[in-house]
């Protein structure tokens, strides 16, 4: 899905929402930031496999979409902290039922597996 769909007023609302969270890490970042603000290094430590480049790109896109707030403190070395905006919290709340559905689906898959 392209980033352009996140801003296209002529697409379905679900498509526009999915375009904003598309990618491997954005839902993880939303989930972590729900618990409070984080510095980028803390986010990387909590998400093994997430490179600094991809983290920076995802956070910039999320900031551009109004989901996260970036606060830079004027200290040496510079300190940057990311937190969810009210709009980002709204999205996290909207995704909660989808997350519940996903967990139920996974449970069904486990139950359907033949016993070994």
PDB file of N, CA and C in Angstrom:
ATOM      1  N   UNK A   1       0.855  -1.167   0.000  1.00  0.00           N
ATOM      2  CA  UNK A   1       0.000   0.000   0.000  1.00  0.00           C
ATOM      3  C   UNK A   1       0.904   1.233   0.000  1.00  0.00           C
ATOM      4  N   UNK A   2       0.492   2.224  -0.729  1.00  0.00           N
ATOM      5  CA  UNK A   2       1.337   3.411  -0.825  1.00  0.00           C
ATOM      6  C   UNK A   2       0.983   4.439   0.237  1.00  0.00           C
ATOM      7  N   UNK A   3       1.952   5.257   0.589  1.00  0.00           N
ATOM      8  CA  UNK A   3       1.738   6.327   1.568  1.00  0.00           C
ATOM      9  C   UNK A   3       0.681   7.306   1.078  1.00  0.00           C
ATOM     10  N   UNK A   4       0.587   7.488  -0.247  1.00  0.00           N
ATOM     11  CA  UNK A   4      -0.374   8.422  -0.807  1.00  0.00           C
ATOM     12  C   UNK A   4      -1.807   8.098  -0.437  1.00  0.00           C
ATOM     13  N   UNK A   5      -2.096   6.839  -0.236  1.00  0.00           N
ATOM     14  CA  UNK A   5      -3.464   6.447   0.129  1.00  0.00           C
ATOM     15  C   UNK A   5      -3.849   6.942   1.513  1.00  0.00           C
ATOM     16  N   UNK A   6      -2.870   7.225   2.350  1.00  0.00           N
ATOM     17  CA  UNK A   6      -3.164   7.731   3.688  1.00  0.00           C
ATOM     18  C   UNK A   6      -3.747   9.136   3.613  1.00  0.00           C
ATOM     19  N   UNK A   7      -3.543   9.824   2.508  1.00  0.00           N
ATOM     20  CA  UNK A   7      -4.014  11.206   2.362  1.00  0.00           C
ATOM     21  C   UNK A   7      -5.043  11.372   1.248  1.00  0.00           C
ATOM     22  N   UNK A   8      -5.402  10.296   0.570  1.00  0.00           N
ATOM     23  CA  UNK A   8      -6.351  10.365  -0.541  1.00  0.00           C
ATOM     24  C   UNK A   8      -7.776  10.400  -0.002  1.00  0.00           C
ATOM     25  N   UNK A   9      -8.509  11.512  -0.213  1.00  0.00           N
ATOM     26  CA  UNK A   9      -9.871  11.603   0.328  1.00  0.00           C
ATOM     27  C   UNK A   9     -10.869  10.713  -0.402  1.00  0.00           C
ATOM     28  N   UNK A  10     -10.452  10.087  -1.503  1.00  0.00           N
ATOM     29  CA  UNK A  10     -11.371   9.270  -2.295  1.00  0.00           C
ATOM     30  C   UNK A  10     -11.243   7.773  -2.042  1.00  0.00           C
ATOM     31  N   UNK A  11     -10.565   7.390  -0.963  1.00  0.00           N
ATOM     32  CA  UNK A  11     -10.457   5.965  -0.651  1.00  0.00           C
ATOM     33  C   UNK A  11     -11.345   5.640   0.545  1.00  0.00           C
ATOM     34  N   UNK A  12     -11.608   4.385   0.716  1.00  0.00           N
ATOM     35  CA  UNK A  12     -12.377   3.894   1.868  1.00  0.00           C
ATOM     36  C   UNK A  12     -11.650   4.289   3.155  1.00  0.00           C
ATOM     37  N   UNK A  13     -12.393   4.595   4.207  1.00  0.00           N
ATOM     38  CA  UNK A  13     -11.800   4.984   5.478  1.00  0.00           C
ATOM     39  C   UNK A  13     -10.888   3.925   6.055  1.00  0.00           C
ATOM     40  N   UNK A  14     -11.261   2.654   5.882  1.00  0.00           N
ATOM     41  CA  UNK A  14     -10.415   1.569   6.397  1.00  0.00           C
ATOM     42  C   UNK A  14      -9.084   1.554   5.642  1.00  0.00           C
ATOM     43  N   UNK A  15      -9.134   1.762   4.346  1.00  0.00           N
ATOM     44  CA  UNK A  15      -7.914   1.806   3.544  1.00  0.00           C
ATOM     45  C   UNK A  15      -7.019   2.959   3.998  1.00  0.00           C
ATOM     46  N   UNK A  16      -7.620   4.118   4.253  1.00  0.00           N
ATOM     47  CA  UNK A  16      -6.847   5.275   4.713  1.00  0.00           C
ATOM     48  C   UNK A  16      -6.208   4.995   6.074  1.00  0.00           C
ATOM     49  N   UNK A  17      -6.934   4.315   6.960  1.00  0.00           N
ATOM     50  CA  UNK A  17      -6.392   3.987   8.281  1.00  0.00           C
ATOM     51  C   UNK A  17      -5.255   2.971   8.168  1.00  0.00           C
ATOM     52  N   UNK A  18      -5.448   1.957   7.344  1.00  0.00           N
ATOM     53  CA  UNK A  18      -4.417   0.924   7.185  1.00  0.00           C
ATOM     54  C   UNK A  18      -3.160   1.523   6.559  1.00  0.00           C
ATOM     55  N   UNK A  19      -3.325   2.474   5.654  1.00  0.00           N
ATOM     56  CA  UNK A  19      -2.161   3.120   5.036  1.00  0.00           C
ATOM     57  C   UNK A  19      -1.298   3.823   6.080  1.00  0.00           C
ATOM     58  N   UNK A  20      -1.914   4.325   7.144  1.00  0.00           N
ATOM     59  CA  UNK A  20      -1.183   5.030   8.198  1.00  0.00           C
ATOM     60  C   UNK A  20      -0.388   4.060   9.073  1.00  0.00           C
ATOM     61  N   UNK A  21      -0.884   2.841   9.255  1.00  0.00           N
ATOM     62  CA  UNK A  21      -0.195   1.879  10.131  1.00  0.00           C
ATOM     63  C   UNK A  21       0.517   0.789   9.349  1.00  0.00           C
ATOM     64  N   UNK A  22       0.543   0.934   8.022  1.00  0.00           N
ATOM     65  CA  UNK A  22       1.164  -0.070   7.169  1.00  0.00           C
ATOM     66  C   UNK A  22       2.648  -0.188   7.492  1.00  0.00           C
ATOM     67  N   UNK A  23       3.138  -1.386   7.462  1.00  0.00           N
ATOM     68  CA  UNK A  23       4.552  -1.637   7.731  1.00  0.00           C
ATOM     69  C   UNK A  23       4.708  -2.547   8.932  1.00  0.00           C
ATOM     70  N   UNK A  24       5.894  -3.039   9.086  1.00  0.00           N
ATOM     71  CA  UNK A  24       6.170  -4.031  10.130  1.00  0.00           C
ATOM     72  C   UNK A  24       6.186  -3.449  11.537  1.00  0.00           C
ATOM     73  N   UNK A  25       6.563  -2.183  11.700  1.00  0.00           N
ATOM     74  CA  UNK A  25       6.869  -1.666  13.032  1.00  0.00           C
ATOM     75  C   UNK A  25       5.877  -0.667  13.605  1.00  0.00           C
ATOM     76  N   UNK A  26       5.037  -0.069  12.794  1.00  0.00           N
ATOM     77  CA  UNK A  26       4.196   1.023  13.299  1.00  0.00           C
ATOM     78  C   UNK A  26       3.203   0.568  14.368  1.00  0.00           C
ATOM     79  N   UNK A  27       2.600  -0.588  14.215  1.00  0.00           N
ATOM     80  CA  UNK A  27       1.679  -1.040  15.259  1.00  0.00           C
ATOM     81  C   UNK A  27       2.424  -1.351  16.548  1.00  0.00           C
ATOM     82  N   UNK A  28       3.638  -1.879  16.430  1.00  0.00           N
ATOM     83  CA  UNK A  28       4.464  -2.119  17.616  1.00  0.00           C
ATOM     84  C   UNK A  28       4.781  -0.797  18.317  1.00  0.00           C
ATOM     85  N   UNK A  29       5.141   0.197  17.523  1.00  0.00           N
ATOM     86  CA  UNK A  29       5.466   1.507  18.094  1.00  0.00           C
ATOM     87  C   UNK A  29       4.247   2.132  18.760  1.00  0.00           C
ATOM     88  N   UNK A  30       3.083   2.032  18.125  1.00  0.00           N
ATOM     89  CA  UNK A  30       1.851   2.537  18.747  1.00  0.00           C
ATOM     90  C   UNK A  30       1.621   1.866  20.088  1.00  0.00           C
ATOM     91  N   UNK A  31       1.778   0.547  20.124  1.00  0.00           N
ATOM     92  CA  UNK A  31       1.537  -0.225  21.332  1.00  0.00           C
ATOM     93  C   UNK A  31       2.488   0.214  22.445  1.00  0.00           C
ATOM     94  N   UNK A  32       3.764   0.385  22.116  1.00  0.00           N
ATOM     95  CA  UNK A  32       4.731   0.814  23.129  1.00  0.00           C
ATOM     96  C   UNK A  32       4.448   2.232  23.613  1.00  0.00           C
ATOM     97  N   UNK A  33       4.175   3.135  22.685  1.00  0.00           N
ATOM     98  CA  UNK A  33       3.966   4.532  23.046  1.00  0.00           C
ATOM     99  C   UNK A  33       2.668   4.757  23.813  1.00  0.00           C
ATOM    100  N   UNK A  34       1.759   3.787  23.781  1.00  0.00           N
ATOM    101  CA  UNK A  34       0.540   3.881  24.598  1.00  0.00           C
ATOM    102  C   UNK A  34       0.879   3.944  26.083  1.00  0.00           C
ATOM    103  N   UNK A  35       1.977   3.314  26.473  1.00  0.00           N
ATOM    104  CA  UNK A  35       2.343   3.258  27.887  1.00  0.00           C
ATOM    105  C   UNK A  35       3.083   4.510  28.357  1.00  0.00           C
ATOM    106  N   UNK A  36       3.451   5.389  27.430  1.00  0.00           N
ATOM    107  CA  UNK A  36       4.129   6.619  27.820  1.00  0.00           C
ATOM    108  C   UNK A  36       5.208   7.004  26.834  1.00  0.00           C
ATOM    109  N   UNK A  37       5.870   8.136  27.078  1.00  0.00           N
ATOM    110  CA  UNK A  37       6.899   8.617  26.158  1.00  0.00           C
ATOM    111  C   UNK A  37       8.156   7.751  26.195  1.00  0.00           C
ATOM    112  N   UNK A  38       8.839   7.724  25.055  1.00  0.00           N
ATOM    113  CA  UNK A  38      10.077   6.948  24.919  1.00  0.00           C
ATOM    114  C   UNK A  38      11.096   7.740  24.130  1.00  0.00           C
ATOM    115  N   UNK A  39      12.346   7.509  24.463  1.00  0.00           N
ATOM    116  CA  UNK A  39      13.446   7.999  23.643  1.00  0.00           C
ATOM    117  C   UNK A  39      13.695   6.967  22.548  1.00  0.00           C
ATOM    118  N   UNK A  40      14.247   7.394  21.399  1.00  0.00           N
ATOM    119  CA  UNK A  40      14.462   6.448  20.296  1.00  0.00           C
ATOM    120  C   UNK A  40      15.289   5.222  20.689  1.00  0.00           C
ATOM    121  N   UNK A  41      16.334   5.412  21.490  1.00  0.00           N
ATOM    122  CA  UNK A  41      17.156   4.271  21.905  1.00  0.00           C
ATOM    123  C   UNK A  41      16.368   3.258  22.714  1.00  0.00           C
ATOM    124  N   UNK A  42      15.457   3.747  23.545  1.00  0.00           N
ATOM    125  CA  UNK A  42      14.605   2.840  24.333  1.00  0.00           C
ATOM    126  C   UNK A  42      13.686   2.039  23.418  1.00  0.00           C
ATOM    127  N   UNK A  43      13.148   2.697  22.396  1.00  0.00           N
ATOM    128  CA  UNK A  43      12.273   1.996  21.451  1.00  0.00           C
ATOM    129  C   UNK A  43      13.045   0.901  20.721  1.00  0.00           C
ATOM    130  N   UNK A  44      14.265   1.205  20.296  1.00  0.00           N
ATOM    131  CA  UNK A  44      15.074   0.209  19.594  1.00  0.00           C
ATOM    132  C   UNK A  44      15.401  -0.978  20.487  1.00  0.00           C
ATOM    133  N   UNK A  45      15.697  -0.724  21.755  1.00  0.00           N
ATOM    134  CA  UNK A  45      16.001  -1.830  22.680  1.00  0.00           C
ATOM    135  C   UNK A  45      14.786  -2.718  22.888  1.00  0.00           C
ATOM    136  N   UNK A  46      13.609  -2.137  22.884  1.00  0.00           N
ATOM    137  CA  UNK A  46      12.383  -2.917  23.101  1.00  0.00           C
ATOM    138  C   UNK A  46      11.921  -3.653  21.855  1.00  0.00           C
ATOM    139  N   UNK A  47      12.459  -3.277  20.700  1.00  0.00           N
ATOM    140  CA  UNK A  47      12.059  -3.910  19.440  1.00  0.00           C
ATOM    141  C   UNK A  47      13.296  -4.440  18.711  1.00  0.00           C
ATOM    142  N   UNK A  48      13.823  -5.571  19.167  1.00  0.00           N
ATOM    143  CA  UNK A  48      15.002  -6.142  18.515  1.00  0.00           C
ATOM    144  C   UNK A  48      14.731  -6.368  17.023  1.00  0.00           C
ATOM    145  N   UNK A  49      15.706  -6.048  16.222  1.00  0.00           N
ATOM    146  CA  UNK A  49      15.560  -6.201  14.780  1.00  0.00           C
ATOM    147  C   UNK A  49      15.167  -4.918  14.078  1.00  0.00           C
ATOM    148  N   UNK A  50      14.765  -3.921  14.837  1.00  0.00           N
ATOM    149  CA  UNK A  50      14.399  -2.626  14.269  1.00  0.00           C
ATOM    150  C   UNK A  50      15.656  -1.776  14.128  1.00  0.00           C
ATOM    151  N   UNK A  51      15.984  -1.416  12.901  1.00  0.00           N
ATOM    152  CA  UNK A  51      17.186  -0.608  12.679  1.00  0.00           C
ATOM    153  C   UNK A  51      16.903   0.856  12.992  1.00  0.00           C
ATOM    154  N   UNK A  52      17.962   1.608  13.233  1.00  0.00           N
ATOM    155  CA  UNK A  52      17.822   3.035  13.519  1.00  0.00           C
ATOM    156  C   UNK A  52      17.188   3.763  12.337  1.00  0.00           C
ATOM    157  N   UNK A  53      17.589   3.378  11.126  1.00  0.00           N
ATOM    158  CA  UNK A  53      17.052   4.010   9.916  1.00  0.00           C
ATOM    159  C   UNK A  53      15.545   3.785   9.796  1.00  0.00           C
ATOM    160  N   UNK A  54      15.109   2.557   9.977  1.00  0.00           N
ATOM    161  CA  UNK A  54      13.687   2.235   9.848  1.00  0.00           C
ATOM    162  C   UNK A  54      12.888   2.885  10.972  1.00  0.00           C
ATOM    163  N   UNK A  55      13.450   2.894  12.184  1.00  0.00           N
ATOM    164  CA  UNK A  55      12.779   3.555  13.306  1.00  0.00           C
ATOM    165  C   UNK A  55      12.579   5.038  13.004  1.00  0.00           C
ATOM    166  N   UNK A  56      13.626   5.703  12.543  1.00  0.00           N
ATOM    167  CA  UNK A  56      13.539   7.127  12.231  1.00  0.00           C
ATOM    168  C   UNK A  56      12.486   7.379  11.154  1.00  0.00           C
ATOM    169  N   UNK A  57      12.482   6.551  10.122  1.00  0.00           N
ATOM    170  CA  UNK A  57      11.512   6.708   9.034  1.00  0.00           C
ATOM    171  C   UNK A  57      10.083   6.507   9.545  1.00  0.00           C
ATOM    172  N   UNK A  58       9.867   5.463  10.334  1.00  0.00           N
ATOM    173  CA  UNK A  58       8.523   5.183  10.853  1.00  0.00           C
ATOM    174  C   UNK A  58       8.044   6.311  11.763  1.00  0.00           C
ATOM    175  N   UNK A  59       8.914   6.782  12.653  1.00  0.00           N
ATOM    176  CA  UNK A  59       8.524   7.864  13.561  1.00  0.00           C
ATOM    177  C   UNK A  59       8.246   9.161  12.802  1.00  0.00           C
ATOM    178  N   UNK A  60       9.026   9.444  11.777  1.00  0.00           N
ATOM    179  CA  UNK A  60       8.776  10.648  10.970  1.00  0.00           C
ATOM    180  C   UNK A  60       7.425  10.557  10.259  1.00  0.00           C
ATOM    181  N   UNK A  61       7.121   9.384   9.704  1.00  0.00           N
ATOM    182  CA  UNK A  61       5.832   9.201   9.037  1.00  0.00           C
ATOM    183  C   UNK A  61       4.687   9.315  10.040  1.00  0.00           C
ATOM    184  N   UNK A  62       4.870   8.728  11.212  1.00  0.00           N
ATOM    185  CA  UNK A  62       3.830   8.788  12.237  1.00  0.00           C
ATOM    186  C   UNK A  62       3.648  10.223  12.741  1.00  0.00           C
ATOM    187  N   UNK A  63       4.747  10.967  12.818  1.00  0.00           N
ATOM    188  CA  UNK A  63       4.649  12.374  13.205  1.00  0.00           C
ATOM    189  C   UNK A  63       3.918  13.168  12.120  1.00  0.00           C
ATOM    190  N   UNK A  64       4.256  12.903  10.865  1.00  0.00           N
ATOM    191  CA  UNK A  64       3.606  13.577   9.742  1.00  0.00           C
ATOM    192  C   UNK A  64       2.111  13.279   9.703  1.00  0.00           C
ATOM    193  N   UNK A  65       1.736  12.076  10.108  1.00  0.00           N
ATOM    194  CA  UNK A  65       0.321  11.672  10.130  1.00  0.00           C
ATOM    195  C   UNK A  65      -0.400  12.129  11.394  1.00  0.00           C
ATOM    196  N   UNK A  66       0.317  12.808  12.282  1.00  0.00           N
ATOM    197  CA  UNK A  66      -0.303  13.347  13.488  1.00  0.00           C
ATOM    198  C   UNK A  66      -0.492  12.338  14.612  1.00  0.00           C
ATOM    199  N   UNK A  67       0.223  11.207  14.546  1.00  0.00           N
ATOM    200  CA  UNK A  67       0.067  10.156  15.555  1.00  0.00           C
ATOM    201  C   UNK A  67       1.017  10.317  16.734  1.00  0.00           C
ATOM    202  N   UNK A  68       2.215  10.832  16.461  1.00  0.00           N
ATOM    203  CA  UNK A  68       3.199  10.996  17.534  1.00  0.00           C
ATOM    204  C   UNK A  68       3.677  12.438  17.596  1.00  0.00           C
ATOM    205  N   UNK A  69       4.098  12.804  18.794  1.00  0.00           N
ATOM    206  CA  UNK A  69       4.679  14.120  19.046  1.00  0.00           C
ATOM    207  C   UNK A  69       6.157  13.925  19.324  1.00  0.00           C
ATOM    208  N   UNK A  70       6.977  14.718  18.676  1.00  0.00           N
ATOM    209  CA  UNK A  70       8.433  14.669  18.860  1.00  0.00           C
ATOM    210  C   UNK A  70       8.836  15.895  19.652  1.00  0.00           C
ATOM    211  N   UNK A  71       9.450  15.653  20.807  1.00  0.00           N
ATOM    212  CA  UNK A  71       9.899  16.749  21.660  1.00  0.00           C
ATOM    213  C   UNK A  71      11.411  16.689  21.779  1.00  0.00           C
ATOM    214  N   UNK A  72      12.064  17.779  21.387  1.00  0.00           N
ATOM    215  CA  UNK A  72      13.523  17.855  21.466  1.00  0.00           C
ATOM    216  C   UNK A  72      13.882  18.774  22.620  1.00  0.00           C
ATOM    217  N   UNK A  73      14.649  18.241  23.577  1.00  0.00           N
ATOM    218  CA  UNK A  73      15.085  19.017  24.727  1.00  0.00           C
ATOM    219  C   UNK A  73      16.428  19.667  24.401  1.00  0.00           C
ATOM    220  N   UNK A  74      16.572  20.907  24.749  1.00  0.00           N
ATOM    221  CA  UNK A  74      17.779  21.677  24.442  1.00  0.00           C
ATOM    222  C   UNK A  74      18.863  21.422  25.496  1.00  0.00           C
ATOM    223  N   UNK A  75      19.443  20.223  25.428  1.00  0.00           N
ATOM    224  CA  UNK A  75      20.533  19.835  26.323  1.00  0.00           C
ATOM    225  C   UNK A  75      21.621  19.178  25.475  1.00  0.00           C
ATOM    226  N   UNK A  76      22.799  19.029  26.064  1.00  0.00           N
ATOM    227  CA  UNK A  76      23.871  18.318  25.375  1.00  0.00           C
ATOM    228  C   UNK A  76      24.152  17.019  26.092  1.00  0.00           C
ATOM    229  N   UNK A  77      24.176  15.900  25.437  1.00  0.00           N
ATOM    230  CA  UNK A  77      23.763  15.715  24.044  1.00  0.00           C
ATOM    231  C   UNK A  77      22.253  15.922  23.893  1.00  0.00           C
ATOM    232  N   UNK A  78      21.795  16.227  22.669  1.00  0.00           N
ATOM    233  CA  UNK A  78      20.366  16.458  22.459  1.00  0.00           C
ATOM    234  C   UNK A  78      19.535  15.259  22.903  1.00  0.00           C
ATOM    235  N   UNK A  79      18.406  15.552  23.496  1.00  0.00           N
ATOM    236  CA  UNK A  79      17.506  14.503  23.983  1.00  0.00           C
ATOM    237  C   UNK A  79      16.179  14.643  23.249  1.00  0.00           C
ATOM    238  N   UNK A  80      15.763  13.569  22.582  1.00  0.00           N
ATOM    239  CA  UNK A  80      14.503  13.554  21.854  1.00  0.00           C
ATOM    240  C   UNK A  80      13.586  12.533  22.500  1.00  0.00           C
ATOM    241  N   UNK A  81      12.326  12.904  22.673  1.00  0.00           N
ATOM    242  CA  UNK A  81      11.333  12.018  23.280  1.00  0.00           C
ATOM    243  C   UNK A  81      10.107  11.994  22.380  1.00  0.00           C
ATOM    244  N   UNK A  82       9.578  10.784  22.164  1.00  0.00           N
ATOM    245  CA  UNK A  82       8.372  10.612  21.361  1.00  0.00           C
ATOM    246  C   UNK A  82       7.225  10.165  22.252  1.00  0.00           C
ATOM    247  N   UNK A  83       6.048  10.702  21.970  1.00  0.00           N
ATOM    248  CA  UNK A  83       4.840  10.303  22.694  1.00  0.00           C
ATOM    249  C   UNK A  83       3.667  10.312  21.725  1.00  0.00           C
ATOM    250  N   UNK A  84       2.590   9.635  22.112  1.00  0.00           N
ATOM    251  CA  UNK A  84       1.393   9.635  21.277  1.00  0.00           C
ATOM    252  C   UNK A  84       0.653  10.959  21.421  1.00  0.00           C
ATOM    253  N   UNK A  85       0.088  11.414  20.340  1.00  0.00           N
ATOM    254  CA  UNK A  85      -0.810  12.557  20.378  1.00  0.00           C
ATOM    255  C   UNK A  85      -2.201  12.031  20.735  1.00  0.00           C
ATOM    256  N   UNK A  86      -3.136  12.929  20.950  1.00  0.00           N
ATOM    257  CA  UNK A  86      -4.516  12.505  21.169  1.00  0.00           C
ATOM    258  C   UNK A  86      -5.047  11.718  19.981  1.00  0.00           C
ATOM    259  N   UNK A  87      -4.671  12.139  18.780  1.00  0.00           N
ATOM    260  CA  UNK A  87      -5.089  11.451  17.557  1.00  0.00           C
ATOM    261  C   UNK A  87      -4.488  10.045  17.505  1.00  0.00           C
ATOM    262  N   UNK A  88      -3.234   9.919  17.950  1.00  0.00           N
ATOM    263  CA  UNK A  88      -2.586   8.610  18.006  1.00  0.00           C
ATOM    264  C   UNK A  88      -3.258   7.698  19.018  1.00  0.00           C
ATOM    265  N   UNK A  89      -3.664   8.261  20.160  1.00  0.00           N
ATOM    266  CA  UNK A  89      -4.398   7.476  21.162  1.00  0.00           C
ATOM    267  C   UNK A  89      -5.742   7.016  20.610  1.00  0.00           C
ATOM    268  N   UNK A  90      -6.402   7.892  19.851  1.00  0.00           N
ATOM    269  CA  UNK A  90      -7.667   7.503  19.208  1.00  0.00           C
ATOM    270  C   UNK A  90      -7.460   6.297  18.302  1.00  0.00           C
ATOM    271  N   UNK A  91      -6.377   6.319  17.528  1.00  0.00           N
ATOM    272  CA  UNK A  91      -6.088   5.195  16.635  1.00  0.00           C
ATOM    273  C   UNK A  91      -5.802   3.935  17.441  1.00  0.00           C
ATOM    274  N   UNK A  92      -5.019   4.040  18.490  1.00  0.00           N
ATOM    275  CA  UNK A  92      -4.702   2.876  19.322  1.00  0.00           C
ATOM    276  C   UNK A  92      -5.984   2.278  19.904  1.00  0.00           C
ATOM    277  N   UNK A  93      -6.893   3.124  20.359  1.00  0.00           N
ATOM    278  CA  UNK A  93      -8.174   2.637  20.884  1.00  0.00           C
ATOM    279  C   UNK A  93      -9.003   1.976  19.794  1.00  0.00           C
ATOM    280  N   UNK A  94      -8.981   2.543  18.595  1.00  0.00           N
ATOM    281  CA  UNK A  94      -9.734   1.959  17.485  1.00  0.00           C
ATOM    282  C   UNK A  94      -9.170   0.602  17.083  1.00  0.00           C
ATOM    283  N   UNK A  95      -7.867   0.413  17.250  1.00  0.00           N
ATOM    284  CA  UNK A  95      -7.233  -0.850  16.877  1.00  0.00           C
ATOM    285  C   UNK A  95      -7.413  -1.943  17.928  1.00  0.00           C
ATOM    286  N   UNK A  96      -7.784  -1.589  19.140  1.00  0.00           N
ATOM    287  CA  UNK A  96      -7.915  -2.580  20.220  1.00  0.00           C
ATOM    288  C   UNK A  96      -8.877  -3.714  19.850  1.00  0.00           C
ATOM    289  N   UNK A  97     -10.080  -3.440  19.327  1.00  0.00           N
ATOM    290  CA  UNK A  97     -10.962  -4.551  18.949  1.00  0.00           C
ATOM    291  C   UNK A  97     -10.374  -5.413  17.828  1.00  0.00           C
ATOM    292  N   UNK A  98      -9.636  -4.795  16.914  1.00  0.00           N
ATOM    293  CA  UNK A  98      -8.993  -5.569  15.851  1.00  0.00           C
ATOM    294  C   UNK A  98      -7.927  -6.485  16.442  1.00  0.00           C
ATOM    295  N   UNK A  99      -7.197  -5.980  17.429  1.00  0.00           N
ATOM    296  CA  UNK A  99      -6.196  -6.792  18.114  1.00  0.00           C
ATOM    297  C   UNK A  99      -6.855  -7.978  18.820  1.00  0.00           C
ATOM    298  N   UNK A 100      -7.983  -7.721  19.492  1.00  0.00           N
ATOM    299  CA  UNK A 100      -8.712  -8.803  20.162  1.00  0.00           C
ATOM    300  C   UNK A 100      -9.136  -9.863  19.153  1.00  0.00           C
ATOM    301  N   UNK A 101      -9.645  -9.420  18.012  1.00  0.00           N
ATOM    302  CA  UNK A 101     -10.068 -10.347  16.974  1.00  0.00           C
ATOM    303  C   UNK A 101      -8.869 -11.174  16.495  1.00  0.00           C
ATOM    304  N   UNK A 102      -7.727 -10.517  16.312  1.00  0.00           N
ATOM    305  CA  UNK A 102      -6.535 -11.227  15.868  1.00  0.00           C
ATOM    306  C   UNK A 102      -6.089 -12.297  16.855  1.00  0.00           C
ATOM    307  N   UNK A 103      -6.163 -11.990  18.150  1.00  0.00           N
ATOM    308  CA  UNK A 103      -5.807 -12.987  19.168  1.00  0.00           C
ATOM    309  C   UNK A 103      -6.782 -14.163  19.142  1.00  0.00           C
ATOM    310  N   UNK A 104      -8.068 -13.882  18.969  1.00  0.00           N
ATOM    311  CA  UNK A 104      -9.058 -14.975  18.872  1.00  0.00           C
ATOM    312  C   UNK A 104      -8.788 -15.841  17.646  1.00  0.00           C
ATOM    313  N   UNK A 105      -8.420 -15.211  16.540  1.00  0.00           N
ATOM    314  CA  UNK A 105      -8.101 -15.964  15.326  1.00  0.00           C
ATOM    315  C   UNK A 105      -6.904 -16.874  15.561  1.00  0.00           C
ATOM    316  N   UNK A 106      -5.871 -16.352  16.213  1.00  0.00           N
ATOM    317  CA  UNK A 106      -4.686 -17.167  16.493  1.00  0.00           C
ATOM    318  C   UNK A 106      -5.024 -18.350  17.393  1.00  0.00           C
ATOM    319  N   UNK A 107      -5.889 -18.119  18.392  1.00  0.00           N
ATOM    320  CA  UNK A 107      -6.319 -19.210  19.263  1.00  0.00           C
ATOM    321  C   UNK A 107      -7.048 -20.284  18.463  1.00  0.00           C
ATOM    322  N   UNK A 108      -7.902 -19.881  17.531  1.00  0.00           N
ATOM    323  CA  UNK A 108      -8.623 -20.845  16.685  1.00  0.00           C
ATOM    324  C   UNK A 108      -7.655 -21.660  15.842  1.00  0.00           C
ATOM    325  N   UNK A 109      -6.617 -20.996  15.326  1.00  0.00           N
ATOM    326  CA  UNK A 109      -5.633 -21.715  14.515  1.00  0.00           C
ATOM    327  C   UNK A 109      -4.902 -22.761  15.345  1.00  0.00           C
ATOM    328  N   UNK A 110      -4.548 -22.399  16.568  1.00  0.00           N
ATOM    329  CA  UNK A 110      -3.858 -23.342  17.458  1.00  0.00           C
ATOM    330  C   UNK A 110      -4.768 -24.524  17.773  1.00  0.00           C
ATOM    331  N   UNK A 111      -6.034 -24.229  18.066  1.00  0.00           N
ATOM    332  CA  UNK A 111      -6.993 -25.290  18.388  1.00  0.00           C
ATOM    333  C   UNK A 111      -7.225 -26.215  17.197  1.00  0.00           C
ATOM    334  N   UNK A 112      -7.141 -25.684  15.985  1.00  0.00           N
ATOM    335  CA  UNK A 112      -7.403 -26.472  14.784  1.00  0.00           C
ATOM    336  C   UNK A 112      -6.204 -27.326  14.359  1.00  0.00           C
ATOM    337  N   UNK A 113      -5.025 -27.054  14.907  1.00  0.00           N
ATOM    338  CA  UNK A 113      -3.850 -27.829  14.563  1.00  0.00           C
ATOM    339  C   UNK A 113      -4.002 -29.265  15.071  1.00  0.00           C
ATOM    340  N   UNK A 114      -3.622 -30.226  14.239  1.00  0.00           N
ATOM    341  CA  UNK A 114      -3.692 -31.609  14.701  1.00  0.00           C
ATOM    342  C   UNK A 114      -2.704 -31.860  15.842  1.00  0.00           C
ATOM    343  N   UNK A 115      -3.149 -32.598  16.827  1.00  0.00           N
ATOM    344  CA  UNK A 115      -2.269 -32.932  17.965  1.00  0.00           C
ATOM    345  C   UNK A 115      -1.150 -33.831  17.482  1.00  0.00           C
ATOM    346  N   UNK A 116       0.076 -33.576  17.964  1.00  0.00           N
ATOM    347  CA  UNK A 116       1.213 -34.404  17.512  1.00  0.00           C
ATOM    348  C   UNK A 116       1.567 -35.437  18.525  1.00  0.00           C
TER     349      UNK A 116
END
